[in-house]
Amino acid sequence: MKCIYCGCIDSKVVDSRQNEDGTSIRRRRECVDCGKRFTTYETVESTPILVVKKDGSRQMFDINKVKIGIMKACEKRPISMTNIDKLVGDIQRTVLNSLDQEVPSTYIGDLVMEGLKGIDEVAYVRYASVHRQFRDINTLLDEIEGLVKLKAERDAHKD
């Protein structure tokens, strides 16, 4: 690390401490040339992720938008905030771990739908109706029939 006083590129770490929320490390350094001390902070560099919308436009990935969509789908349903927060965390980890700088909005929507399918069927259908933009009642019925078949298969495997 370059000394801010003399410009020497050699320094030694005298003390290291994590900050309170664990997002960075504070290091006290001493220049090996002039002997003066200075502080540096080390943080994880995060790459911004862009969401590619259906119309081709791009916007920054915002996990709060995902959470709001999930909460709307779960409104007036017996779903705890713990379950919602877990789903949101799982989706965020999946998107961030994909290592892609651009992620299609349809991919994020599919992740939400997959998560809601295991939590609450009504919330799943609510979210699916917006995400898949059902054009008529038949499209909605097809989705519900698929959900019923999946549930029957799961129940058959439990026995």
Protein backbone atom coordinates (compact mmCIF):
# COMPACT_ATOMS: atom_id res chain seq x y z
CA MET A 1 0.00 0.00 0.00
CA LYS A 2 1.41 3.38 -1.02
CA CYS A 3 2.28 5.73 1.86
CA ILE A 4 0.21 8.91 1.77
CA TYR A 5 3.11 10.92 3.22
CA CYS A 6 6.21 9.91 1.25
CA GLY A 7 4.82 7.76 -1.58
CA CYS A 8 6.79 4.65 -0.66
CA ILE A 9 4.99 1.49 -1.80
CA ASP A 10 6.12 -0.64 1.15
CA SER A 11 4.21 -0.65 4.42
CA LYS A 12 3.52 -3.11 7.17
CA VAL A 13 0.22 -3.82 8.88
CA VAL A 14 0.32 -2.84 12.55
CA ASP A 15 -3.30 -3.61 13.48
CA SER A 16 -6.39 -5.10 11.74
CA ARG A 17 -9.97 -4.88 12.96
CA GLN A 18 -13.34 -5.67 11.44
CA ASN A 19 -15.91 -2.90 11.50
CA GLU A 20 -19.09 -3.41 13.54
CA ASP A 21 -21.26 -4.80 10.72
CA GLY A 22 -18.50 -6.98 9.28
CA THR A 23 -18.49 -5.37 5.83
CA SER A 24 -14.96 -4.03 5.92
CA ILE A 25 -11.60 -4.36 7.65
CA ARG A 26 -9.77 -1.37 9.09
CA ARG A 27 -5.99 -1.67 8.88
CA ARG A 28 -3.41 0.56 10.60
CA ARG A 29 -0.26 0.59 8.51
CA GLU A 30 3.23 1.90 9.07
CA CYS A 31 5.45 3.04 6.22
CA VAL A 32 8.77 1.18 6.21
CA ASP A 33 10.53 4.25 4.74
CA CYS A 34 9.31 7.26 6.75
CA GLY A 35 7.77 5.42 9.75
CA LYS A 36 4.48 7.37 9.67
CA ARG A 37 1.20 5.57 10.22
CA PHE A 38 -1.99 5.70 8.16
CA THR A 39 -5.30 3.84 7.97
CA THR A 40 -6.74 1.85 5.07
CA TYR A 41 -10.06 0.06 4.68
CA GLU A 42 -10.57 -3.19 2.82
CA THR A 43 -14.03 -4.01 1.43
CA VAL A 44 -15.45 -6.56 -0.97
CA GLU A 45 -15.88 -5.16 -4.45
CA SER A 46 -19.30 -5.97 -5.82
CA THR A 47 -20.08 -5.91 -9.51
CA PRO A 48 -23.36 -4.19 -10.33
CA ILE A 49 -25.94 -6.49 -11.91
CA LEU A 50 -28.32 -5.20 -14.56
CA VAL A 51 -31.77 -6.63 -15.10
CA VAL A 52 -32.76 -6.88 -18.77
CA LYS A 53 -36.47 -6.14 -19.05
CA LYS A 54 -38.78 -7.67 -21.68
CA ASP A 55 -38.59 -4.48 -23.77
CA GLY A 56 -34.77 -4.67 -23.81
CA SER A 57 -34.22 -1.81 -21.35
CA ARG A 58 -31.83 -2.31 -18.45
CA GLN A 59 -31.95 -1.26 -14.83
CA MET A 60 -29.97 -2.01 -11.69
CA PHE A 61 -30.93 -5.18 -9.82
CA ASP A 62 -32.95 -4.11 -6.79
CA ILE A 63 -33.81 -6.89 -4.35
CA ASN A 64 -36.38 -4.60 -2.69
CA LYS A 65 -38.47 -4.67 -5.89
CA VAL A 66 -38.42 -8.46 -5.77
CA LYS A 67 -39.49 -8.41 -2.11
CA ILE A 68 -42.35 -5.99 -2.81
CA GLY A 69 -43.63 -8.24 -5.61
CA ILE A 70 -43.50 -11.27 -3.36
CA MET A 71 -45.26 -9.41 -0.54
CA LYS A 72 -48.06 -8.33 -2.90
CA ALA A 73 -48.55 -11.93 -4.00
CA CYS A 74 -48.61 -13.08 -0.36
CA GLU A 75 -50.97 -10.36 0.84
CA LYS A 76 -53.71 -11.67 3.15
CA ARG A 77 -52.17 -15.16 3.07
CA PRO A 78 -50.86 -17.06 6.13
CA ILE A 79 -47.21 -16.58 5.17
CA SER A 80 -44.70 -15.34 7.72
CA MET A 81 -42.16 -12.61 7.02
CA THR A 82 -39.51 -15.18 7.91
CA ASN A 83 -40.55 -17.30 4.91
CA ILE A 84 -40.67 -14.23 2.65
CA ASP A 85 -37.23 -13.05 3.82
CA LYS A 86 -35.77 -16.52 3.30
CA LEU A 87 -37.13 -16.64 -0.26
CA VAL A 88 -35.82 -13.14 -0.98
CA GLY A 89 -32.39 -14.10 0.40
CA ASP A 90 -32.32 -17.28 -1.70
CA ILE A 91 -33.18 -15.33 -4.85
CA GLN A 92 -30.57 -12.68 -4.12
CA ARG A 93 -27.88 -15.32 -3.56
CA THR A 94 -28.83 -17.13 -6.77
CA VAL A 95 -28.68 -13.93 -8.83
CA LEU A 96 -25.40 -12.75 -7.30
CA ASN A 97 -23.80 -16.20 -7.57
CA SER A 98 -24.72 -16.46 -11.24
CA LEU A 99 -21.67 -14.27 -11.99
CA ASP A 100 -23.56 -12.71 -14.90
CA GLN A 101 -23.54 -8.93 -15.15
CA GLU A 102 -26.90 -8.97 -16.93
CA VAL A 103 -29.83 -11.14 -15.85
CA PRO A 104 -33.17 -11.36 -17.69
CA SER A 105 -36.18 -10.22 -15.65
CA THR A 106 -37.93 -13.43 -16.72
CA TYR A 107 -35.22 -15.45 -14.93
CA ILE A 108 -35.80 -13.54 -11.69
CA GLY A 109 -39.56 -13.96 -12.07
CA ASP A 110 -39.12 -17.70 -12.61
CA LEU A 111 -37.03 -17.90 -9.41
CA VAL A 112 -39.81 -16.14 -7.49
CA MET A 113 -42.45 -18.44 -8.95
CA GLU A 114 -40.44 -21.55 -8.11
CA GLY A 115 -40.01 -20.34 -4.53
CA LEU A 116 -43.67 -19.39 -4.10
CA LYS A 117 -44.78 -22.75 -5.49
CA GLY A 118 -43.33 -24.41 -2.41
CA ILE A 119 -44.68 -21.83 0.03
CA ASP A 120 -48.26 -21.04 -0.99
CA GLU A 121 -50.21 -22.03 -4.10
CA VAL A 122 -52.48 -18.98 -4.06
CA ALA A 123 -49.51 -16.62 -3.84
CA TYR A 124 -47.88 -18.59 -6.66
CA VAL A 125 -50.93 -18.16 -8.94
CA ARG A 126 -51.19 -14.46 -8.06
CA TYR A 127 -47.55 -13.88 -8.95
CA ALA A 128 -47.74 -16.06 -12.05
CA SER A 129 -50.73 -14.13 -13.37
CA VAL A 130 -48.64 -10.94 -13.40
CA HIS A 131 -45.30 -12.49 -14.39
CA ARG A 132 -46.68 -14.59 -17.24
CA GLN A 133 -49.24 -11.94 -18.22
CA PHE A 134 -52.21 -14.28 -18.55
CA ARG A 135 -54.32 -13.13 -21.47
CA ASP A 136 -57.50 -14.99 -20.55
CA ILE A 137 -59.09 -17.37 -18.08
CA ASN A 138 -57.96 -20.44 -20.08
CA THR A 139 -54.30 -19.55 -19.61
CA LEU A 140 -54.92 -19.16 -15.89
CA LEU A 141 -56.73 -22.52 -15.76
CA ASP A 142 -53.82 -24.21 -17.58
CA GLU A 143 -51.43 -22.89 -14.95
CA ILE A 144 -53.67 -24.07 -12.12
CA GLU A 145 -54.06 -27.52 -13.73
CA GLY A 146 -50.27 -27.82 -13.95
CA LEU A 147 -50.01 -26.89 -10.27
CA VAL A 148 -52.65 -29.48 -9.32
CA LYS A 149 -50.79 -32.20 -11.28
CA LEU A 150 -47.52 -31.28 -9.57
CA LYS A 151 -49.17 -31.42 -6.16
CA ALA A 152 -50.70 -34.83 -6.96
CA GLU A 153 -47.26 -36.13 -8.01
CA ARG A 154 -45.68 -34.84 -4.81
CA ASP A 155 -48.42 -36.42 -2.71
CA ALA A 156 -47.98 -39.75 -4.55
CA HIS A 157 -44.24 -39.74 -3.80
CA LYS A 158 -44.85 -39.09 -0.11
CA ASP A 159 -46.74 -42.36 0.28
